[in-house]
C-alpha cells in the first residue's frame, strides 16, 4: 500500500501527478500502443497494393494473377489492422477500468478512514463520480495515440525517402511544427481545464449546501436569493466550459492547417514531377505512377497519429487537472481512524480504560486528553467549555482518531490498528447529531442482526411512543437525517439501540443538548440504566444536571487554560 504523503511534502506538478496516477497501467497501455503502431504500419502495405494495382491497370499490363494477389494483400492487411486495433482498444479499456476501480476504492477507503476533516462531501462526490471518469479518455485515446505519434510519422517518412527526398523533406519540415504549436496551445488548455474542474467542485459544494439548507431557506423566504446565487455560479461554469472548448477548437485548427499544408505540398510536388515540370528531389528519375500514388497515400497517414493526438489533447489537459485534484486529496490525509473499519470479534477482557499523557491533533493544534483510569460500571462526565476537546477525547477513546502523543489502553491492551476494530465491537456511540443508516428502523436498532426484540430497550429509552407514531413503525425508513422524528426523539432511538446491544462501553456526545426537560430526563435515565447494567458510560456534556448524576467528573485539561 502506498504510504500517505507528508502534508509538508512539496506538491507534484500536474504532469507529475498524472504520471504517478497512470503508473500502474503503464505496461498495459504500452502493449496497447505497440499493437496500434503495428496496425498503423500495415497501411504502407495496403498503399503499395493500391499503387501497384492502379499502375498495372493504367499502363495496360493488368494480369489477373498478380492483380488478385495484390487485392488479397490489401484485404489481408486491412483485416489484420482491424483486428490489431480492436485488440489494442480492448487492452486499453480494460487497463483504464481496472485503474479507475482501484483509484475509486482507494479514495473511498481513505475518505472512510478520515475523521472530522470538514471535507465537502459534494466536492468529494464530484471528484469520485464526475471528475475521475474523465481520466478514461486520456488513458484510452491520448496515451496510445501519443505512442503512435512518436513512431509512425518518422517511419512513414523513411519509407518515402527512397522514392523522393523532396517529399521526405517536406514532411520532415511540417511534422515538428505541429507539436510546437500544440505545446503552446496545451498550456492554455491545461489552465482552462483546471479552472473548469475547480468550478465544477465549487458548484457541487454550493448545490449540496443549498439542498441541506432548504428548510431554513423556506422559513426565511430566501429561495429567490439562493436561486440567484446558484444561477451566477452556473453561468461561471458555462463560461469556463466554453473557454475549454475554444482552446480545444484552436488546437484542432492548428493541426489541420499544418497537416493540410504538408499534404498539399506533397501533392503539388508529385503532380509537377510526374509532368516533368519539376526535376529535382526524385533521385535522378521522374516518379512513376505507382511511386506517386504510394507517396500520396502515405502523406496523410504521416499526420494521422498527430491528428489523433490533437483530438485527444483536451483529454490530456483535463486529466492533468483531475490528477492535480487527486494528488491534493492524497496529500492531505487528515486524521485517520485506527483499524480497518471491519467487523471483528469483541476484544476480550474487562472493559477498562486508561489514558496516560495522551493528546490528539485538531488541525495544527495539539489537544491534551485527561489522564484517567476507568472501570466497568462507572458513569463519567467529561466537562469543559466548548473547544477544549471533549468530542476529540471521545473520538480518541473510540479509536476514531490516533493519539499524537502518550497512549490509550483498552481492556489492558494498547489501542492501535491491531485492537481498534475489536475494541469498537464492544462500544455503543450516541452522537450529538444522529446519522441514521439507509435501513429500516428495526435494522438500525439492531445493526448486528441479532434478532432481539427491541420493545424493552425502546421502553427504557422512552422511545416506544416515537416508534408507534411512525407510519410503518419499525419498518419505517427515516433517512440519514432522521426525517419524521425530532432531534430528541432520534437521540432516544440511538439510546434504545445502545440498550439493545448491551455494550460494554457507551460514548455519548452532548446527549441532552437542545432537548426539552422531559426528553433530557429520559436520556439521563437511559444512560444511568446502562451504567447500572455494568457498562462503562462516558459522556461529554455541558449539562449540569447530567454531570451531577454521573459517578465521576473529569475536567478537560484545556478547561483550565480556557478559564
Protein backbone atom coordinates (compact mmCIF):
# COMPACT_ATOMS: atom_id res chain seq x y z
CA UNK A 1 0.00 0.00 0.00
CA UNK A 2 1.30 3.45 -0.90
CA UNK A 3 2.04 5.38 2.28
CA UNK A 4 0.24 8.64 2.86
CA UNK A 5 2.47 11.52 1.86
CA UNK A 6 3.54 14.04 4.43
CA UNK A 7 1.41 17.18 4.45
CA UNK A 8 4.66 19.18 4.34
CA UNK A 9 5.92 17.40 1.21
CA UNK A 10 6.05 19.56 -1.95
CA UNK A 11 3.02 19.18 -4.17
CA UNK A 12 3.73 17.47 -7.52
CA UNK A 13 3.13 19.32 -10.75
CA UNK A 14 0.04 18.30 -12.78
CA UNK A 15 2.26 16.33 -15.19
CA UNK A 16 3.99 14.54 -12.30
CA UNK A 17 0.66 13.78 -10.64
CA UNK A 18 -0.69 12.36 -13.90
CA UNK A 19 2.41 10.22 -14.43
CA UNK A 20 2.11 8.82 -10.90
CA UNK A 21 -1.59 8.11 -11.41
CA UNK A 22 -1.15 6.14 -14.63
CA UNK A 23 1.95 4.24 -13.49
CA UNK A 24 0.07 1.02 -12.54
CA UNK A 25 -1.45 0.81 -16.03
CA UNK A 26 1.63 1.91 -17.97
CA UNK A 27 2.66 -1.60 -19.05
CA UNK A 28 -0.80 -2.44 -20.37
CA UNK A 29 -1.09 0.90 -22.14
CA UNK A 30 2.35 0.32 -23.69
CA UNK A 31 1.11 -3.02 -25.07
CA UNK A 32 -1.95 -1.33 -26.49
CA UNK A 33 0.24 1.36 -28.04
CA UNK A 34 2.58 -1.22 -29.57
CA UNK A 35 -0.34 -3.04 -31.20
CA UNK A 36 -1.62 0.28 -32.51
CA UNK A 37 1.80 1.03 -34.01
CA UNK A 38 1.91 -2.33 -35.78
CA UNK A 39 -1.61 -1.73 -37.11
CA UNK A 40 -0.68 1.72 -38.42
CA UNK A 41 2.45 0.37 -40.13
CA UNK A 42 0.33 -2.06 -42.14
CA UNK A 43 -1.01 0.92 -44.09
CA UNK A 44 2.10 1.14 -46.33
CA UNK A 45 1.40 -2.49 -47.33
CA UNK A 46 -2.12 -1.51 -48.37
CA UNK A 47 -0.82 1.62 -50.10
CA UNK A 48 1.66 -0.48 -52.08
CA UNK A 49 -1.11 -2.87 -53.16
CA UNK A 50 -3.30 0.01 -54.34
CA UNK A 51 -0.45 1.82 -56.12
CA UNK A 52 0.75 -1.32 -57.90
CA UNK A 53 -2.80 -2.26 -58.98
CA UNK A 54 -3.54 1.21 -60.37
CA UNK A 55 -0.18 1.28 -62.14
CA UNK A 56 -0.77 -2.12 -63.81
CA UNK A 57 -4.23 -1.05 -64.93
CA UNK A 58 -3.09 2.38 -66.19
CA UNK A 59 -0.20 1.09 -68.30
CA UNK A 60 -2.26 -1.77 -69.70
CA UNK A 61 -0.31 -4.63 -68.13
CA UNK A 62 -3.03 -5.82 -65.75
CA UNK A 63 -2.90 -9.58 -65.22
CA UNK A 64 -5.47 -11.45 -63.13
CA UNK A 65 -2.89 -13.47 -61.18
CA UNK A 66 -0.75 -10.62 -59.81
CA UNK A 67 -3.86 -8.44 -59.62
CA UNK A 68 -5.66 -10.93 -57.39
CA UNK A 69 -2.56 -11.29 -55.23
CA UNK A 70 -2.48 -7.52 -54.76
CA UNK A 71 -6.19 -7.49 -53.85
CA UNK A 72 -5.64 -10.33 -51.38
CA UNK A 73 -2.68 -8.44 -49.89
CA UNK A 74 -4.81 -5.32 -49.43
CA UNK A 75 -7.70 -7.22 -47.82
CA UNK A 76 -5.42 -9.25 -45.55
CA UNK A 77 -3.54 -6.20 -44.34
CA UNK A 78 -6.82 -4.36 -43.75
CA UNK A 79 -8.26 -7.25 -41.74
CA UNK A 80 -5.08 -7.50 -39.69
CA UNK A 81 -5.21 -3.77 -38.99
CA UNK A 82 -8.81 -4.03 -37.80
CA UNK A 83 -8.03 -6.96 -35.51
CA UNK A 84 -4.95 -5.28 -34.05
CA UNK A 85 -6.79 -2.02 -33.43
CA UNK A 86 -9.67 -3.86 -31.74
CA UNK A 87 -7.22 -5.79 -29.57
CA UNK A 88 -5.35 -2.61 -28.65
CA UNK A 89 -8.60 -0.83 -27.77
CA UNK A 90 -9.70 -3.74 -25.58
CA UNK A 91 -6.41 -3.78 -23.66
CA UNK A 92 -6.52 -0.02 -23.12
CA UNK A 93 -10.15 -0.05 -21.93
CA UNK A 94 -9.56 -2.92 -19.51
CA UNK A 95 -6.46 -1.26 -18.10
CA UNK A 96 -8.30 2.05 -17.70
CA UNK A 97 -11.29 0.45 -15.98
CA UNK A 98 -9.04 -1.51 -13.62
CA UNK A 99 -7.15 1.67 -12.76
CA UNK A 100 -10.41 3.59 -12.19
CA UNK A 101 -11.76 0.85 -9.92
CA UNK A 102 -8.55 0.74 -7.88
CA UNK A 103 -8.42 4.53 -7.51
CA UNK A 104 -12.12 4.66 -6.61
CA UNK A 105 -11.60 2.06 -3.88
CA UNK A 106 -8.52 3.91 -2.64
CA UNK A 107 -10.41 7.20 -2.45
CA UNK A 108 -13.41 5.68 -0.67
CA UNK A 109 -11.23 3.75 1.78
CA UNK A 110 -9.16 6.84 2.55
CA UNK A 111 -12.23 9.04 2.96
CA UNK A 112 -13.95 6.46 5.18
CA UNK A 113 -10.88 6.30 7.43
CA UNK A 114 -10.67 10.07 7.84
CA UNK A 115 -12.36 11.69 10.81
CA UNK A 116 -13.60 15.24 11.31
CA UNK A 117 -11.80 16.68 8.29
CA UNK A 118 -14.51 19.13 7.32
CA UNK A 119 -14.44 17.69 3.83
CA UNK A 120 -17.08 18.99 1.46
CA UNK A 121 -18.99 15.82 0.63
CA UNK A 122 -20.32 17.30 -2.60
CA UNK A 123 -16.80 18.13 -3.80
CA UNK A 124 -15.67 14.60 -2.93
CA UNK A 125 -18.69 13.12 -4.73
CA UNK A 126 -17.90 15.27 -7.78
CA UNK A 127 -14.31 14.03 -7.74
CA UNK A 128 -15.43 10.41 -7.47
CA UNK A 129 -18.33 10.37 -9.92
CA UNK A 130 -17.72 13.24 -12.34
CA UNK A 131 -14.02 14.04 -12.45
CA UNK A 132 -12.43 10.59 -12.07
CA UNK A 133 -14.22 9.13 -15.15
CA UNK A 134 -12.66 11.96 -17.19
CA UNK A 135 -9.34 10.13 -16.87
CA UNK A 136 -10.61 7.27 -19.08
CA UNK A 137 -10.45 9.17 -22.43
CA UNK A 138 -6.88 10.19 -21.64
CA UNK A 139 -5.84 6.61 -20.93
CA UNK A 140 -7.77 5.05 -23.83
CA UNK A 141 -7.26 7.71 -26.50
CA UNK A 142 -4.39 10.01 -25.74
CA UNK A 143 -1.79 7.55 -24.42
CA UNK A 144 -1.99 5.08 -27.37
CA UNK A 145 -2.18 7.98 -29.83
CA UNK A 146 0.89 9.60 -28.29
CA UNK A 147 2.87 6.35 -28.62
CA UNK A 148 1.84 6.04 -32.27
CA UNK A 149 2.81 9.66 -32.89
CA UNK A 150 6.34 9.01 -31.64
CA UNK A 151 6.96 6.13 -34.09
CA UNK A 152 4.61 6.08 -37.08
CA UNK A 153 5.23 9.52 -38.72
CA UNK A 154 9.01 9.16 -38.90
CA UNK A 155 8.72 5.55 -40.08
CA UNK A 156 6.41 6.58 -42.92
CA UNK A 157 8.72 9.45 -43.84
CA UNK A 158 11.58 6.96 -44.01
CA UNK A 159 9.53 4.87 -46.46
CA UNK A 160 9.05 7.89 -48.74
CA UNK A 161 12.76 8.72 -48.74
CA UNK A 162 13.80 6.03 -51.32
CA UNK A 163 11.09 7.36 -53.65
CA UNK A 164 11.72 11.10 -53.27
CA UNK A 165 13.93 13.00 -50.91
CA UNK A 166 11.90 16.15 -51.62
CA UNK A 167 8.70 14.55 -50.32
CA UNK A 168 10.53 13.33 -47.23
CA UNK A 169 11.95 16.83 -46.67
CA UNK A 170 8.51 18.48 -46.94
CA UNK A 171 7.06 16.06 -44.42
CA UNK A 172 10.01 16.44 -42.06
CA UNK A 173 9.60 20.21 -42.09
CA UNK A 174 5.84 20.06 -41.48
CA UNK A 175 5.87 17.46 -38.70
CA UNK A 176 7.75 19.43 -35.98
CA UNK A 177 5.56 22.50 -36.42
CA UNK A 178 2.52 20.63 -35.13
CA UNK A 179 3.94 19.58 -31.72
CA UNK A 180 5.47 23.02 -31.30
CA UNK A 181 2.18 24.86 -31.67
CA UNK A 182 0.33 22.11 -29.79
CA UNK A 183 2.62 22.68 -26.81
CA UNK A 184 1.84 26.39 -26.85
CA UNK A 185 -1.89 25.73 -27.07
CA UNK A 186 -1.57 23.00 -24.45
CA UNK A 187 -0.55 25.47 -21.72
CA UNK A 188 -3.79 27.36 -22.22
CA UNK A 189 -5.74 24.08 -22.38
CA UNK A 190 -4.31 22.87 -19.09
CA UNK A 191 -5.08 26.12 -17.28
CA UNK A 192 -8.61 26.29 -18.70
CA UNK A 193 -9.33 22.68 -17.69
CA UNK A 194 -8.01 23.25 -14.17
CA UNK A 195 -10.30 26.26 -13.74
CA UNK A 196 -13.23 24.23 -15.08
CA UNK A 197 -12.56 21.42 -12.58
CA UNK A 198 -12.44 23.95 -9.73
CA UNK A 199 -15.72 25.47 -10.87
CA UNK A 200 -17.38 22.03 -11.00
CA UNK A 201 -16.29 21.30 -7.42
CA UNK A 202 -17.48 24.72 -6.21
CA UNK A 203 -20.86 24.34 -7.91
CA UNK A 204 -21.38 20.87 -6.44
CA UNK A 205 -20.47 22.19 -3.00
CA UNK A 206 -22.91 25.06 -3.38
CA UNK A 207 -25.68 22.69 -4.51
CA UNK A 208 -25.08 20.42 -1.52
CA UNK A 209 -25.19 23.36 0.88
CA UNK A 210 -28.41 24.71 -0.62
CA UNK A 211 -30.10 21.31 -0.52
CA UNK A 212 -29.19 20.79 3.14
CA UNK A 213 -30.44 24.29 3.96
CA UNK A 214 -33.76 24.03 2.10
CA UNK A 215 -35.92 24.11 5.26
CA UNK A 216 -34.13 27.23 6.53
CA UNK A 217 -34.31 28.89 3.12
CA UNK A 218 -38.04 28.22 3.01
CA UNK A 219 -38.61 29.62 6.51
CA UNK A 220 -36.56 32.72 5.73
CA UNK A 221 -38.21 33.15 2.31
CA UNK A 222 -34.70 33.25 0.83
CA UNK A 223 -35.33 30.86 -2.05
CA UNK A 224 -35.10 33.61 -4.64
CA UNK A 225 -31.72 34.82 -3.41
CA UNK A 226 -30.43 31.26 -3.29
CA UNK A 227 -31.54 30.64 -6.86
CA UNK A 228 -29.91 33.87 -8.00
CA UNK A 229 -26.62 32.87 -6.40
CA UNK A 230 -26.83 29.44 -7.94
CA UNK A 231 -27.54 30.94 -11.36
CA UNK A 232 -24.43 33.13 -11.07
CA UNK A 233 -22.23 30.11 -10.31
CA UNK A 234 -23.85 28.06 -13.11
CA UNK A 235 -23.11 30.89 -15.53
CA UNK A 236 -19.50 30.91 -14.33
CA UNK A 237 -19.26 27.18 -15.05
CA UNK A 238 -20.72 27.76 -18.52
CA UNK A 239 -18.06 30.36 -19.24
CA UNK A 240 -15.30 28.03 -18.01
CA UNK A 241 -16.62 25.23 -20.19
CA UNK A 242 -16.79 27.46 -23.26
CA UNK A 243 -13.20 28.57 -22.60
CA UNK A 244 -12.12 24.93 -22.62
CA UNK A 245 -14.00 24.30 -25.87
CA UNK A 246 -12.42 27.35 -27.51
CA UNK A 247 -8.97 26.05 -26.70
CA UNK A 248 -9.92 22.58 -27.98
CA UNK A 249 -11.13 24.03 -31.30
CA UNK A 250 -7.98 26.14 -31.60
CA UNK A 251 -5.86 23.03 -31.07
CA UNK A 252 -7.67 21.17 -33.86
CA UNK A 253 -7.41 24.16 -36.19
CA UNK A 254 -3.64 24.37 -35.73
CA UNK A 255 -3.20 20.70 -36.55
CA UNK A 256 -5.49 20.71 -39.57
CA UNK A 257 -3.76 23.75 -41.04
CA UNK A 258 -0.27 22.30 -40.93
CA UNK A 259 -1.30 18.77 -41.93
CA UNK A 260 -3.33 20.11 -44.88
CA UNK A 261 -0.40 22.31 -45.89
CA UNK A 262 2.02 19.36 -45.77
CA UNK A 263 -0.25 17.05 -47.80
CA UNK A 264 -0.95 19.81 -50.34
CA UNK A 265 2.77 20.48 -50.90
CA UNK A 266 3.39 16.75 -51.41
CA UNK A 267 0.52 16.54 -53.91
CA UNK A 268 1.78 19.58 -55.84
CA UNK A 269 5.31 18.20 -55.96
CA UNK A 270 4.19 14.74 -57.14
CA UNK A 271 1.98 16.17 -59.85
CA UNK A 272 4.58 18.58 -61.21
CA UNK A 273 7.32 15.93 -61.03
CA UNK A 274 5.26 13.41 -62.98
CA UNK A 275 4.65 16.14 -65.61
CA UNK A 276 8.41 16.80 -65.73
CA UNK A 277 7.82 20.37 -64.60
CA UNK A 278 10.00 19.77 -61.50
CA UNK A 279 13.22 17.86 -61.99
CA UNK A 280 14.72 17.66 -58.53
CA UNK A 281 14.08 15.53 -55.46
CA UNK A 282 13.49 12.26 -57.30
CA UNK A 283 16.95 10.69 -57.27
CA UNK A 284 17.51 11.50 -60.92
CA UNK A 285 14.41 9.85 -62.39
CA UNK A 286 10.85 11.16 -62.56
CA UNK A 287 8.34 9.45 -60.34
CA UNK A 288 6.29 6.64 -61.84
CA UNK A 289 2.54 6.48 -61.39
CA UNK A 290 2.94 3.75 -58.75
CA UNK A 291 5.50 5.81 -56.83
CA UNK A 292 3.36 8.94 -56.97
CA UNK A 293 0.26 7.14 -55.70
CA UNK A 294 2.31 5.44 -53.00
CA UNK A 295 3.70 8.68 -51.50
CA UNK A 296 0.33 10.43 -51.89
CA UNK A 297 -1.33 7.67 -49.86
CA UNK A 298 1.38 7.80 -47.21
CA UNK A 299 1.38 11.59 -46.78
CA UNK A 300 -2.00 11.88 -44.94
CA UNK A 301 -1.11 8.91 -42.76
CA UNK A 302 2.05 10.69 -41.65
CA UNK A 303 -0.18 13.29 -39.99
CA UNK A 304 -2.92 10.91 -38.80
CA UNK A 305 -1.24 9.99 -35.48
CA UNK A 306 -0.62 13.67 -34.84
CA UNK A 307 -4.25 14.39 -35.69
CA UNK A 308 -5.33 11.76 -33.14
CA UNK A 309 -3.08 13.33 -30.52
CA UNK A 310 -4.57 16.71 -31.27
CA UNK A 311 -8.11 15.35 -30.98
CA UNK A 312 -7.20 13.90 -27.56
CA UNK A 313 -5.15 16.91 -26.42
CA UNK A 314 -8.06 18.25 -24.39
CA UNK A 315 -8.31 14.83 -22.71
CA UNK A 316 -4.72 15.23 -21.52
CA UNK A 317 -5.33 18.74 -20.19
CA UNK A 318 -8.44 17.54 -18.35
CA UNK A 319 -6.61 14.50 -16.97
CA UNK A 320 -3.83 16.71 -15.59
CA UNK A 321 -6.42 18.88 -13.84
CA UNK A 322 -8.09 15.81 -12.30
CA UNK A 323 -4.72 14.31 -11.35
CA UNK A 324 -3.90 17.55 -9.55
CA UNK A 325 -7.11 17.24 -7.51
CA UNK A 326 -6.38 13.59 -6.73
CA UNK A 327 -2.85 14.44 -5.62
CA UNK A 328 -4.19 17.14 -3.31
CA UNK A 329 -6.67 14.71 -1.75
CA UNK A 330 -3.99 12.06 -1.17
CA UNK A 331 -1.50 14.67 0.09
CA UNK A 332 -3.94 15.77 2.80
CA UNK A 333 -4.55 12.55 4.74
CA UNK A 334 -6.04 14.24 7.80
CA UNK A 335 -6.72 12.29 10.99
CA UNK A 336 -7.20 8.61 10.18
CA UNK A 337 -9.31 6.18 12.18
CA UNK A 338 -7.42 3.29 13.71
CA UNK A 339 -8.09 -0.20 12.39
CA UNK A 340 -9.54 -1.32 9.10
CA UNK A 341 -13.16 -0.44 9.86
CA UNK A 342 -14.16 -4.08 9.50
CA UNK A 343 -16.28 -6.25 11.76
CA UNK A 344 -14.26 -8.10 14.37
CA UNK A 345 -14.80 -10.26 17.40
CA UNK A 346 -15.03 -8.23 20.64
CA UNK A 347 -11.73 -7.56 22.37
CA UNK A 348 -11.53 -9.95 25.35
CA UNK A 349 -11.06 -8.88 28.93
CA UNK A 350 -12.71 -6.39 31.30
CA UNK A 351 -13.78 -3.15 29.57
CA UNK A 352 -11.22 -0.97 31.33
CA UNK A 353 -9.85 2.29 30.02
CA UNK A 354 -6.56 4.03 30.86
CA UNK A 355 -5.42 7.30 29.29
CA UNK A 356 -1.83 8.38 30.02
CA UNK A 357 -0.25 11.61 28.76
CA UNK A 358 -2.26 11.43 25.55
CA UNK A 359 -3.06 14.18 23.09
CA UNK A 360 -4.64 14.35 19.65
CA UNK A 361 -4.21 16.70 16.72
CA UNK A 362 -7.06 19.01 15.74
CA UNK A 363 -5.73 20.63 12.61
CA UNK A 364 -2.34 22.02 13.63
CA UNK A 365 -3.38 22.26 17.29
CA UNK A 366 -2.42 19.59 19.82
CA UNK A 367 -5.33 18.89 22.20
CA UNK A 368 -4.36 17.24 25.51
CA UNK A 369 -6.57 14.49 26.93
CA UNK A 370 -7.15 14.00 30.65
CA UNK A 371 -5.31 11.18 32.38
CA UNK A 372 -7.81 8.68 33.74
CA UNK A 373 -8.25 5.04 34.71
CA UNK A 374 -11.84 3.80 34.41
CA UNK A 375 -13.56 0.51 35.15
CA UNK A 376 -16.80 -1.19 34.03
CA UNK A 377 -19.99 0.17 35.65
CA UNK A 378 -18.71 3.71 36.08
CA UNK A 379 -20.57 6.75 34.75
CA UNK A 380 -18.11 9.51 33.85
CA UNK A 381 -18.69 13.09 32.67
CA UNK A 382 -16.06 14.91 30.59
CA UNK A 383 -16.52 18.61 31.28
CA UNK A 384 -15.09 21.82 29.90
CA UNK A 385 -16.05 24.73 27.73
CA UNK A 386 -16.57 24.41 24.02
CA UNK A 387 -13.33 23.82 22.13
CA UNK A 388 -11.46 22.16 24.98
CA UNK A 389 -11.53 18.78 23.23
CA UNK A 390 -14.37 16.77 24.80
CA UNK A 391 -15.56 15.41 21.44
CA UNK A 392 -11.96 14.78 20.41
CA UNK A 393 -11.47 12.75 23.58
CA UNK A 394 -14.46 10.55 22.75
CA UNK A 395 -13.17 10.05 19.22
CA UNK A 396 -9.75 9.03 20.57
CA UNK A 397 -11.29 6.60 23.07
CA UNK A 398 -13.24 5.01 20.22
CA UNK A 399 -10.08 4.74 18.12
CA UNK A 400 -11.53 7.07 15.52
CA UNK A 401 -8.52 9.39 15.74
CA UNK A 402 -4.97 8.34 16.64
CA UNK A 403 -3.17 9.89 19.56
CA UNK A 404 -0.29 12.20 18.68
CA UNK A 405 1.45 11.51 21.99
CA UNK A 406 1.01 9.30 25.03
CA UNK A 407 -1.14 6.17 24.96
CA UNK A 408 -4.63 4.82 25.47
CA UNK A 409 -5.08 1.31 26.86
CA UNK A 410 -8.36 -0.58 26.50
CA UNK A 411 -9.08 -3.92 28.14
CA UNK A 412 -5.44 -3.99 29.18
CA UNK A 413 -4.04 -3.54 25.67
CA UNK A 414 -2.75 -0.54 23.74
CA UNK A 415 -5.40 0.94 21.45
CA UNK A 416 -3.87 0.78 17.97
CA UNK A 417 -4.60 -0.52 14.48
CA UNK A 418 -4.46 -4.12 15.72
CA UNK A 419 -7.02 -3.68 18.51
CA UNK A 420 -9.28 -0.82 17.38
CA UNK A 421 -11.85 -2.86 15.41
CA UNK A 422 -12.19 -5.42 18.21
CA UNK A 423 -12.50 -2.61 20.80
CA UNK A 424 -15.21 -0.84 18.79
CA UNK A 425 -17.16 -4.12 18.72
CA UNK A 426 -17.75 -3.52 22.45
CA UNK A 427 -18.79 0.13 22.07
CA UNK A 428 -22.05 1.98 21.54
CA UNK A 429 -21.85 5.50 20.19
CA UNK A 430 -24.54 8.14 20.83
CA UNK A 431 -23.59 11.19 18.73
CA UNK A 432 -24.92 14.68 19.18
CA UNK A 433 -26.03 14.74 15.57
CA UNK A 434 -27.71 11.47 14.75
CA UNK A 435 -26.95 9.74 11.47
CA UNK A 436 -29.43 7.02 10.55
CA UNK A 437 -28.29 4.32 8.11
CA UNK A 438 -30.23 3.61 4.92
CA UNK A 439 -32.24 0.81 6.51
CA UNK A 440 -35.47 0.20 8.33
CA UNK A 441 -35.68 1.39 11.92
CA UNK A 442 -35.61 -2.25 13.08
CA UNK A 443 -32.34 -2.80 11.21
CA UNK A 444 -30.92 0.48 12.56
CA UNK A 445 -31.73 -0.51 16.13
CA UNK A 446 -30.13 -3.94 15.66
CA UNK A 447 -27.20 -3.37 13.26
CA UNK A 448 -25.58 -6.70 14.17
CA UNK A 449 -28.74 -8.58 13.20
CA UNK A 450 -29.17 -10.45 16.48
CA UNK A 451 -32.95 -10.60 16.09
CA UNK A 452 -33.51 -9.34 19.64
CA UNK A 453 -36.89 -7.79 20.50
CA UNK A 454 -36.36 -4.01 20.83
CA UNK A 455 -39.53 -3.42 22.87
CA UNK A 456 -37.80 -3.40 26.28
CA UNK A 457 -34.96 -1.19 25.07
CA UNK A 458 -37.42 1.25 23.48
CA UNK A 459 -39.41 1.40 26.69
CA UNK A 460 -36.30 2.01 28.77
CA UNK A 461 -35.26 4.86 26.45
CA UNK A 462 -38.87 6.14 26.42
CA UNK A 463 -38.90 5.78 22.65
CA UNK A 464 -41.83 3.38 22.33
CA UNK A 465 -44.25 6.21 21.58
CA UNK A 466 -41.84 7.52 18.92
CA UNK A 467 -41.97 4.21 17.06
CA UNK A 468 -45.73 3.96 17.49
CA UNK A 469 -46.14 7.35 15.84
CA UNK A 470 -44.20 6.41 12.72
CA UNK A 471 -46.24 5.46 9.63
CA UNK A 472 -44.81 1.95 9.37
CA UNK A 473 -43.49 1.50 12.89
CA UNK A 474 -40.21 -0.42 12.98
CA UNK A 475 -40.39 -0.91 9.21
CA UNK A 476 -40.10 2.86 8.63
CA UNK A 477 -37.04 4.23 6.86
CA UNK A 478 -36.07 7.54 8.45
CA UNK A 479 -33.31 8.56 6.05
CA UNK A 480 -29.85 9.71 7.07
CA UNK A 481 -31.12 12.95 8.67
CA UNK A 482 -33.81 11.14 10.69
CA UNK A 483 -36.74 12.66 8.79
CA UNK A 484 -40.01 12.15 10.65
CA UNK A 485 -38.57 12.41 14.18
CA UNK A 486 -37.20 15.30 16.21
CA UNK A 487 -33.60 15.57 17.36
CA UNK A 488 -34.52 14.42 20.86
CA UNK A 489 -36.55 11.51 19.53
CA UNK A 490 -33.69 10.44 17.27
CA UNK A 491 -31.31 10.55 20.23
CA UNK A 492 -33.67 8.38 22.30
CA UNK A 493 -33.79 5.89 19.44
CA UNK A 494 -29.99 5.76 19.44
CA UNK A 495 -30.04 5.17 23.20
CA UNK A 496 -32.50 2.34 22.63
CA UNK A 497 -30.05 0.89 20.12
CA UNK A 498 -27.32 1.07 22.76
CA UNK A 499 -29.56 -0.60 25.34
CA UNK A 500 -30.50 -3.34 22.89
CA UNK A 501 -26.86 -4.03 22.00
CA UNK A 502 -25.91 -4.37 25.70
CA UNK A 503 -22.49 -2.75 25.06
CA UNK A 504 -19.61 -2.81 27.49
CA UNK A 505 -18.78 0.85 26.82
CA UNK A 506 -21.10 3.74 25.88
CA UNK A 507 -19.75 7.01 24.50
CA UNK A 508 -22.26 9.87 24.32
CA UNK A 509 -21.52 13.33 22.91
CA UNK A 510 -23.76 16.06 24.38
CA UNK A 511 -26.66 13.60 24.75
CA UNK A 512 -29.02 16.15 26.34
CA UNK A 513 -28.13 19.24 24.30
CA UNK A 514 -31.08 21.24 22.92
CA UNK A 515 -33.64 18.87 24.42
CA UNK A 516 -36.73 19.78 26.42
CA UNK A 517 -36.72 18.91 30.10
CA UNK A 518 -38.79 15.73 29.76
CA UNK A 519 -36.72 14.35 26.90
CA UNK A 520 -33.45 15.25 28.64
CA UNK A 521 -34.63 13.44 31.78
CA UNK A 522 -35.44 10.35 29.70
CA UNK A 523 -31.99 10.41 28.12
CA UNK A 524 -30.29 10.77 31.53
CA UNK A 525 -32.31 7.87 32.91
CA UNK A 526 -31.34 5.66 29.98
CA UNK A 527 -27.65 6.46 30.48
CA UNK A 528 -27.90 5.65 34.19
CA UNK A 529 -29.62 2.38 33.31
CA UNK A 530 -26.71 1.45 31.04
CA UNK A 531 -24.18 2.19 33.80
CA UNK A 532 -26.20 0.24 36.35
CA UNK A 533 -26.17 -2.67 33.91
CA UNK A 534 -22.37 -2.80 34.12
CA UNK A 535 -21.40 -0.65 31.12
CA UNK A 536 -18.70 1.99 31.30
CA UNK A 537 -20.55 5.19 30.35
CA UNK A 538 -18.56 8.26 29.26
CA UNK A 539 -20.40 11.44 28.29
CA UNK A 540 -19.10 14.77 27.01
CA UNK A 541 -21.55 17.35 28.29
CA UNK A 542 -22.32 20.90 29.39
CA UNK A 543 -25.49 19.77 31.17
CA UNK A 544 -25.03 20.41 34.94
CA UNK A 545 -27.88 18.06 35.84
CA UNK A 546 -26.31 15.21 33.86
CA UNK A 547 -22.92 15.99 35.39
CA UNK A 548 -24.37 15.68 38.90
CA UNK A 549 -25.87 12.29 38.07
CA UNK A 550 -22.52 10.86 36.93
CA UNK A 551 -20.28 8.93 39.32
CA UNK A 552 -17.17 10.84 38.35
CA UNK A 553 -16.32 14.18 36.78
CA UNK A 554 -13.20 14.50 34.63
CA UNK A 555 -12.41 18.08 33.51
CA UNK A 556 -10.60 18.52 30.22
CA UNK A 557 -7.03 19.87 30.58
CA UNK A 558 -7.89 22.66 28.17
CA UNK A 559 -10.65 23.87 30.51
CA UNK A 560 -8.12 25.32 32.96
CA UNK A 561 -6.31 27.21 30.19
CA UNK A 562 -9.63 28.47 28.78
CA UNK A 563 -10.58 29.74 32.23
